[in-house]
């Protein structure tokens, strides 16, 4: 699904065992204790964007949720 024209929000486990929520915006990075917390942060961040790609990975770095969010869904 990787669309380079859309901003990306990605949830992935760090080497320290925490969940990182990173995005195309270099000033935007959160660290969460649980995957559920990280998903909430990612969806909240996506809600403030007009369109973006959201990618959630599991603890083995496999993509479990690739989704494009935003106003284009009605097209």
PDB file of N, CA and C in Angstrom:
ATOM      1  N   UNK A   1       0.817  -1.188   0.000  1.00  0.00           N
ATOM      2  CA  UNK A   1       0.000   0.000   0.000  1.00  0.00           C
ATOM      3  C   UNK A   1       0.863   1.253   0.000  1.00  0.00           C
ATOM      4  N   UNK A   2       2.087   1.171   0.256  1.00  0.00           N
ATOM      5  CA  UNK A   2       3.023   2.272   0.394  1.00  0.00           C
ATOM      6  C   UNK A   2       2.840   3.313  -0.701  1.00  0.00           C
ATOM      7  N   UNK A   3       2.236   4.437  -0.379  1.00  0.00           N
ATOM      8  CA  UNK A   3       1.961   5.525  -1.299  1.00  0.00           C
ATOM      9  C   UNK A   3       2.844   6.708  -0.917  1.00  0.00           C
ATOM     10  N   UNK A   4       3.919   6.961  -1.663  1.00  0.00           N
ATOM     11  CA  UNK A   4       4.862   8.013  -1.269  1.00  0.00           C
ATOM     12  C   UNK A   4       4.284   9.421  -1.273  1.00  0.00           C
ATOM     13  N   UNK A   5       3.155   9.635  -1.930  1.00  0.00           N
ATOM     14  CA  UNK A   5       2.584  10.983  -1.964  1.00  0.00           C
ATOM     15  C   UNK A   5       1.771  11.304  -0.714  1.00  0.00           C
ATOM     16  N   UNK A   6       1.442  10.291   0.085  1.00  0.00           N
ATOM     17  CA  UNK A   6       0.668  10.507   1.309  1.00  0.00           C
ATOM     18  C   UNK A   6       1.576  10.541   2.530  1.00  0.00           C
ATOM     19  N   UNK A   7       1.250  11.366   3.522  1.00  0.00           N
ATOM     20  CA  UNK A   7       1.984  11.311   4.784  1.00  0.00           C
ATOM     21  C   UNK A   7       1.786   9.923   5.415  1.00  0.00           C
ATOM     22  N   UNK A   8       2.790   9.438   6.090  1.00  0.00           N
ATOM     23  CA  UNK A   8       2.763   8.104   6.680  1.00  0.00           C
ATOM     24  C   UNK A   8       2.797   8.187   8.199  1.00  0.00           C
ATOM     25  N   UNK A   9       1.953   7.403   8.837  1.00  0.00           N
ATOM     26  CA  UNK A   9       2.000   7.203  10.289  1.00  0.00           C
ATOM     27  C   UNK A   9       2.243   5.716  10.479  1.00  0.00           C
ATOM     28  N   UNK A  10       3.282   5.358  11.232  1.00  0.00           N
ATOM     29  CA  UNK A  10       3.662   3.954  11.372  1.00  0.00           C
ATOM     30  C   UNK A  10       3.809   3.589  12.839  1.00  0.00           C
ATOM     31  N   UNK A  11       3.215   2.459  13.206  1.00  0.00           N
ATOM     32  CA  UNK A  11       3.332   1.903  14.557  1.00  0.00           C
ATOM     33  C   UNK A  11       4.182   0.651  14.440  1.00  0.00           C
ATOM     34  N   UNK A  12       5.247   0.585  15.234  1.00  0.00           N
ATOM     35  CA  UNK A  12       6.149  -0.563  15.190  1.00  0.00           C
ATOM     36  C   UNK A  12       6.849  -0.705  16.536  1.00  0.00           C
ATOM     37  N   UNK A  13       7.244  -1.920  16.879  1.00  0.00           N
ATOM     38  CA  UNK A  13       7.935  -2.151  18.145  1.00  0.00           C
ATOM     39  C   UNK A  13       9.408  -1.771  18.005  1.00  0.00           C
ATOM     40  N   UNK A  14       9.919  -1.085  19.012  1.00  0.00           N
ATOM     41  CA  UNK A  14      11.325  -0.678  19.001  1.00  0.00           C
ATOM     42  C   UNK A  14      12.187  -1.811  19.554  1.00  0.00           C
ATOM     43  N   UNK A  15      13.475  -1.654  19.425  1.00  0.00           N
ATOM     44  CA  UNK A  15      14.399  -2.658  19.962  1.00  0.00           C
ATOM     45  C   UNK A  15      14.358  -2.701  21.486  1.00  0.00           C
ATOM     46  N   UNK A  16      13.826  -1.653  22.120  1.00  0.00           N
ATOM     47  CA  UNK A  16      13.717  -1.600  23.580  1.00  0.00           C
ATOM     48  C   UNK A  16      12.413  -2.221  24.085  1.00  0.00           C
ATOM     49  N   UNK A  17      11.580  -2.725  23.158  1.00  0.00           N
ATOM     50  CA  UNK A  17      10.333  -3.362  23.559  1.00  0.00           C
ATOM     51  C   UNK A  17       9.177  -2.416  23.767  1.00  0.00           C
ATOM     52  N   UNK A  18       9.329  -1.178  23.384  1.00  0.00           N
ATOM     53  CA  UNK A  18       8.245  -0.186  23.439  1.00  0.00           C
ATOM     54  C   UNK A  18       7.652  -0.051  22.047  1.00  0.00           C
ATOM     55  N   UNK A  19       6.490   0.587  21.981  1.00  0.00           N
ATOM     56  CA  UNK A  19       5.818   0.793  20.705  1.00  0.00           C
ATOM     57  C   UNK A  19       6.035   2.221  20.235  1.00  0.00           C
ATOM     58  N   UNK A  20       6.628   2.359  19.057  1.00  0.00           N
ATOM     59  CA  UNK A  20       6.899   3.669  18.459  1.00  0.00           C
ATOM     60  C   UNK A  20       5.767   4.050  17.520  1.00  0.00           C
ATOM     61  N   UNK A  21       5.365   5.300  17.619  1.00  0.00           N
ATOM     62  CA  UNK A  21       4.423   5.877  16.660  1.00  0.00           C
ATOM     63  C   UNK A  21       5.187   6.996  15.974  1.00  0.00           C
ATOM     64  N   UNK A  22       5.559   6.759  14.740  1.00  0.00           N
ATOM     65  CA  UNK A  22       6.354   7.731  13.989  1.00  0.00           C
ATOM     66  C   UNK A  22       5.581   8.143  12.747  1.00  0.00           C
ATOM     67  N   UNK A  23       5.912   9.304  12.233  1.00  0.00           N
ATOM     68  CA  UNK A  23       5.245   9.757  11.021  1.00  0.00           C
ATOM     69  C   UNK A  23       6.215  10.490  10.124  1.00  0.00           C
ATOM     70  N   UNK A  24       5.715  10.887   8.984  1.00  0.00           N
ATOM     71  CA  UNK A  24       6.520  11.628   8.008  1.00  0.00           C
ATOM     72  C   UNK A  24       7.017  12.941   8.591  1.00  0.00           C
ATOM     73  N   UNK A  25       6.285  13.464   9.547  1.00  0.00           N
ATOM     74  CA  UNK A  25       6.668  14.698  10.227  1.00  0.00           C
ATOM     75  C   UNK A  25       7.781  14.366  11.215  1.00  0.00           C
ATOM     76  N   UNK A  26       8.990  14.834  10.984  1.00  0.00           N
ATOM     77  CA  UNK A  26      10.115  14.444  11.842  1.00  0.00           C
ATOM     78  C   UNK A  26       9.982  14.908  13.300  1.00  0.00           C
ATOM     79  N   UNK A  27       9.136  15.900  13.560  1.00  0.00           N
ATOM     80  CA  UNK A  27       8.950  16.380  14.928  1.00  0.00           C
ATOM     81  C   UNK A  27       7.896  15.586  15.680  1.00  0.00           C
ATOM     82  N   UNK A  28       7.349  14.581  15.041  1.00  0.00           N
ATOM     83  CA  UNK A  28       6.238  13.846  15.614  1.00  0.00           C
ATOM     84  C   UNK A  28       6.629  12.395  15.865  1.00  0.00           C
ATOM     85  N   UNK A  29       6.895  12.068  17.128  1.00  0.00           N
ATOM     86  CA  UNK A  29       7.282  10.711  17.490  1.00  0.00           C
ATOM     87  C   UNK A  29       6.817  10.448  18.920  1.00  0.00           C
ATOM     88  N   UNK A  30       6.090   9.364  19.105  1.00  0.00           N
ATOM     89  CA  UNK A  30       5.621   8.995  20.441  1.00  0.00           C
ATOM     90  C   UNK A  30       6.073   7.586  20.762  1.00  0.00           C
ATOM     91  N   UNK A  31       6.269   7.334  22.041  1.00  0.00           N
ATOM     92  CA  UNK A  31       6.615   5.997  22.524  1.00  0.00           C
ATOM     93  C   UNK A  31       5.528   5.573  23.497  1.00  0.00           C
ATOM     94  N   UNK A  32       4.980   4.376  23.289  1.00  0.00           N
ATOM     95  CA  UNK A  32       3.872   3.875  24.105  1.00  0.00           C
ATOM     96  C   UNK A  32       4.253   2.546  24.736  1.00  0.00           C
ATOM     97  N   UNK A  33       3.585   2.219  25.836  1.00  0.00           N
ATOM     98  CA  UNK A  33       3.859   0.961  26.539  1.00  0.00           C
ATOM     99  C   UNK A  33       3.225  -0.244  25.864  1.00  0.00           C
ATOM    100  N   UNK A  34       2.031  -0.041  25.288  1.00  0.00           N
ATOM    101  CA  UNK A  34       1.315  -1.175  24.691  1.00  0.00           C
ATOM    102  C   UNK A  34       0.957  -0.875  23.242  1.00  0.00           C
ATOM    103  N   UNK A  35       0.693  -1.930  22.502  1.00  0.00           N
ATOM    104  CA  UNK A  35       0.270  -1.782  21.113  1.00  0.00           C
ATOM    105  C   UNK A  35      -1.065  -1.040  21.053  1.00  0.00           C
ATOM    106  N   UNK A  36      -1.970  -1.335  21.950  1.00  0.00           N
ATOM    107  CA  UNK A  36      -3.272  -0.664  21.951  1.00  0.00           C
ATOM    108  C   UNK A  36      -3.124   0.843  22.178  1.00  0.00           C
ATOM    109  N   UNK A  37      -2.250   1.223  23.095  1.00  0.00           N
ATOM    110  CA  UNK A  37      -1.985   2.655  23.317  1.00  0.00           C
ATOM    111  C   UNK A  37      -1.417   3.299  22.051  1.00  0.00           C
ATOM    112  N   UNK A  38      -0.499   2.599  21.400  1.00  0.00           N
ATOM    113  CA  UNK A  38       0.127   3.124  20.187  1.00  0.00           C
ATOM    114  C   UNK A  38      -0.901   3.267  19.066  1.00  0.00           C
ATOM    115  N   UNK A  39      -1.809   2.309  18.946  1.00  0.00           N
ATOM    116  CA  UNK A  39      -2.859   2.401  17.933  1.00  0.00           C
ATOM    117  C   UNK A  39      -3.761   3.614  18.190  1.00  0.00           C
ATOM    118  N   UNK A  40      -4.102   3.839  19.448  1.00  0.00           N
ATOM    119  CA  UNK A  40      -4.935   5.000  19.782  1.00  0.00           C
ATOM    120  C   UNK A  40      -4.240   6.303  19.400  1.00  0.00           C
ATOM    121  N   UNK A  41      -2.955   6.402  19.736  1.00  0.00           N
ATOM    122  CA  UNK A  41      -2.182   7.600  19.396  1.00  0.00           C
ATOM    123  C   UNK A  41      -2.137   7.778  17.879  1.00  0.00           C
ATOM    124  N   UNK A  42      -1.901   6.695  17.154  1.00  0.00           N
ATOM    125  CA  UNK A  42      -1.806   6.770  15.692  1.00  0.00           C
ATOM    126  C   UNK A  42      -3.127   7.209  15.071  1.00  0.00           C
ATOM    127  N   UNK A  43      -4.236   6.629  15.527  1.00  0.00           N
ATOM    128  CA  UNK A  43      -5.539   7.014  14.976  1.00  0.00           C
ATOM    129  C   UNK A  43      -5.887   8.460  15.342  1.00  0.00           C
ATOM    130  N   UNK A  44      -5.515   8.886  16.540  1.00  0.00           N
ATOM    131  CA  UNK A  44      -5.754  10.277  16.943  1.00  0.00           C
ATOM    132  C   UNK A  44      -4.950  11.223  16.051  1.00  0.00           C
ATOM    133  N   UNK A  45      -3.700  10.848  15.797  1.00  0.00           N
ATOM    134  CA  UNK A  45      -2.857  11.676  14.928  1.00  0.00           C
ATOM    135  C   UNK A  45      -3.425  11.708  13.505  1.00  0.00           C
ATOM    136  N   UNK A  46      -3.899  10.575  13.017  1.00  0.00           N
ATOM    137  CA  UNK A  46      -4.470  10.499  11.668  1.00  0.00           C
ATOM    138  C   UNK A  46      -5.735  11.342  11.549  1.00  0.00           C
ATOM    139  N   UNK A  47      -6.489  11.447  12.628  1.00  0.00           N
ATOM    140  CA  UNK A  47      -7.732  12.218  12.611  1.00  0.00           C
ATOM    141  C   UNK A  47      -7.473  13.703  12.365  1.00  0.00           C
ATOM    142  N   UNK A  48      -6.261  14.163  12.632  1.00  0.00           N
ATOM    143  CA  UNK A  48      -5.917  15.569  12.445  1.00  0.00           C
ATOM    144  C   UNK A  48      -5.340  15.852  11.062  1.00  0.00           C
ATOM    145  N   UNK A  49      -5.295  14.840  10.225  1.00  0.00           N
ATOM    146  CA  UNK A  49      -4.777  14.997   8.865  1.00  0.00           C
ATOM    147  C   UNK A  49      -5.918  14.838   7.870  1.00  0.00           C
ATOM    148  N   UNK A  50      -5.770  15.469   6.755  1.00  0.00           N
ATOM    149  CA  UNK A  50      -6.797  15.340   5.727  1.00  0.00           C
ATOM    150  C   UNK A  50      -6.747  13.952   5.101  1.00  0.00           C
ATOM    151  N   UNK A  51      -5.552  13.479   4.768  1.00  0.00           N
ATOM    152  CA  UNK A  51      -5.342  12.142   4.211  1.00  0.00           C
ATOM    153  C   UNK A  51      -4.009  11.635   4.711  1.00  0.00           C
ATOM    154  N   UNK A  52      -3.923  10.357   4.965  1.00  0.00           N
ATOM    155  CA  UNK A  52      -2.636   9.772   5.336  1.00  0.00           C
ATOM    156  C   UNK A  52      -2.713   8.258   5.213  1.00  0.00           C
ATOM    157  N   UNK A  53      -1.560   7.644   5.241  1.00  0.00           N
ATOM    158  CA  UNK A  53      -1.460   6.194   5.260  1.00  0.00           C
ATOM    159  C   UNK A  53      -1.083   5.780   6.670  1.00  0.00           C
ATOM    160  N   UNK A  54      -1.809   4.833   7.222  1.00  0.00           N
ATOM    161  CA  UNK A  54      -1.535   4.318   8.557  1.00  0.00           C
ATOM    162  C   UNK A  54      -1.084   2.869   8.423  1.00  0.00           C
ATOM    163  N   UNK A  55       0.079   2.552   8.995  1.00  0.00           N
ATOM    164  CA  UNK A  55       0.615   1.201   8.950  1.00  0.00           C
ATOM    165  C   UNK A  55       0.896   0.777  10.384  1.00  0.00           C
ATOM    166  N   UNK A  56       0.271  -0.331  10.800  1.00  0.00           N
ATOM    167  CA  UNK A  56       0.496  -0.877  12.136  1.00  0.00           C
ATOM    168  C   UNK A  56       1.169  -2.227  11.971  1.00  0.00           C
ATOM    169  N   UNK A  57       2.295  -2.408  12.676  1.00  0.00           N
ATOM    170  CA  UNK A  57       3.041  -3.663  12.624  1.00  0.00           C
ATOM    171  C   UNK A  57       2.934  -4.372  13.959  1.00  0.00           C
ATOM    172  N   UNK A  58       3.084  -5.697  13.936  1.00  0.00           N
ATOM    173  CA  UNK A  58       3.068  -6.456  15.180  1.00  0.00           C
ATOM    174  C   UNK A  58       4.483  -6.536  15.759  1.00  0.00           C
ATOM    175  N   UNK A  59       4.634  -7.297  16.829  1.00  0.00           N
ATOM    176  CA  UNK A  59       5.929  -7.387  17.515  1.00  0.00           C
ATOM    177  C   UNK A  59       7.013  -8.022  16.642  1.00  0.00           C
ATOM    178  N   UNK A  60       6.606  -8.710  15.580  1.00  0.00           N
ATOM    179  CA  UNK A  60       7.566  -9.329  14.653  1.00  0.00           C
ATOM    180  C   UNK A  60       7.769  -8.466  13.412  1.00  0.00           C
ATOM    181  N   UNK A  61       7.270  -7.222  13.458  1.00  0.00           N
ATOM    182  CA  UNK A  61       7.415  -6.232  12.387  1.00  0.00           C
ATOM    183  C   UNK A  61       6.640  -6.609  11.123  1.00  0.00           C
ATOM    184  N   UNK A  62       5.613  -7.463  11.289  1.00  0.00           N
ATOM    185  CA  UNK A  62       4.732  -7.794  10.163  1.00  0.00           C
ATOM    186  C   UNK A  62       3.613  -6.763  10.121  1.00  0.00           C
ATOM    187  N   UNK A  63       3.248  -6.333   8.934  1.00  0.00           N
ATOM    188  CA  UNK A  63       2.165  -5.365   8.779  1.00  0.00           C
ATOM    189  C   UNK A  63       0.837  -6.070   9.061  1.00  0.00           C
ATOM    190  N   UNK A  64       0.117  -5.557  10.057  1.00  0.00           N
ATOM    191  CA  UNK A  64      -1.186  -6.129  10.400  1.00  0.00           C
ATOM    192  C   UNK A  64      -2.330  -5.193  10.036  1.00  0.00           C
ATOM    193  N   UNK A  65      -2.025  -3.928   9.790  1.00  0.00           N
ATOM    194  CA  UNK A  65      -3.064  -2.974   9.397  1.00  0.00           C
ATOM    195  C   UNK A  65      -2.472  -1.941   8.454  1.00  0.00           C
ATOM    196  N   UNK A  66      -2.623  -2.149   7.156  1.00  0.00           N
ATOM    197  CA  UNK A  66      -2.271  -1.092   6.211  1.00  0.00           C
ATOM    198  C   UNK A  66      -3.562  -0.397   5.796  1.00  0.00           C
ATOM    199  N   UNK A  67      -3.647   0.892   6.019  1.00  0.00           N
ATOM    200  CA  UNK A  67      -4.901   1.579   5.728  1.00  0.00           C
ATOM    201  C   UNK A  67      -4.623   3.008   5.282  1.00  0.00           C
ATOM    202  N   UNK A  68      -5.368   3.455   4.282  1.00  0.00           N
ATOM    203  CA  UNK A  68      -5.319   4.850   3.865  1.00  0.00           C
ATOM    204  C   UNK A  68      -6.554   5.510   4.450  1.00  0.00           C
ATOM    205  N   UNK A  69      -6.337   6.577   5.200  1.00  0.00           N
ATOM    206  CA  UNK A  69      -7.426   7.267   5.892  1.00  0.00           C
ATOM    207  C   UNK A  69      -7.579   8.669   5.337  1.00  0.00           C
ATOM    208  N   UNK A  70      -8.786   9.155   5.345  1.00  0.00           N
ATOM    209  CA  UNK A  70      -9.007  10.539   4.950  1.00  0.00           C
ATOM    210  C   UNK A  70     -10.207  10.696   4.043  1.00  0.00           C
ATOM    211  N   UNK A  71     -10.321  11.893   3.506  1.00  0.00           N
ATOM    212  CA  UNK A  71     -11.506  12.263   2.739  1.00  0.00           C
ATOM    213  C   UNK A  71     -11.600  11.579   1.378  1.00  0.00           C
ATOM    214  N   UNK A  72     -10.541  10.942   0.915  1.00  0.00           N
ATOM    215  CA  UNK A  72     -10.555  10.291  -0.393  1.00  0.00           C
ATOM    216  C   UNK A  72     -11.402   9.018  -0.395  1.00  0.00           C
ATOM    217  N   UNK A  73     -11.765   8.497   0.768  1.00  0.00           N
ATOM    218  CA  UNK A  73     -12.502   7.243   0.857  1.00  0.00           C
ATOM    219  C   UNK A  73     -13.860   7.347   0.169  1.00  0.00           C
ATOM    220  N   UNK A  74     -14.407   8.536   0.071  1.00  0.00           N
ATOM    221  CA  UNK A  74     -15.704   8.728  -0.554  1.00  0.00           C
ATOM    222  C   UNK A  74     -15.608   8.746  -2.090  1.00  0.00           C
ATOM    223  N   UNK A  75     -14.396   8.824  -2.613  1.00  0.00           N
ATOM    224  CA  UNK A  75     -14.215   8.902  -4.073  1.00  0.00           C
ATOM    225  C   UNK A  75     -14.543   7.590  -4.745  1.00  0.00           C
TER     226      UNK A  75
END
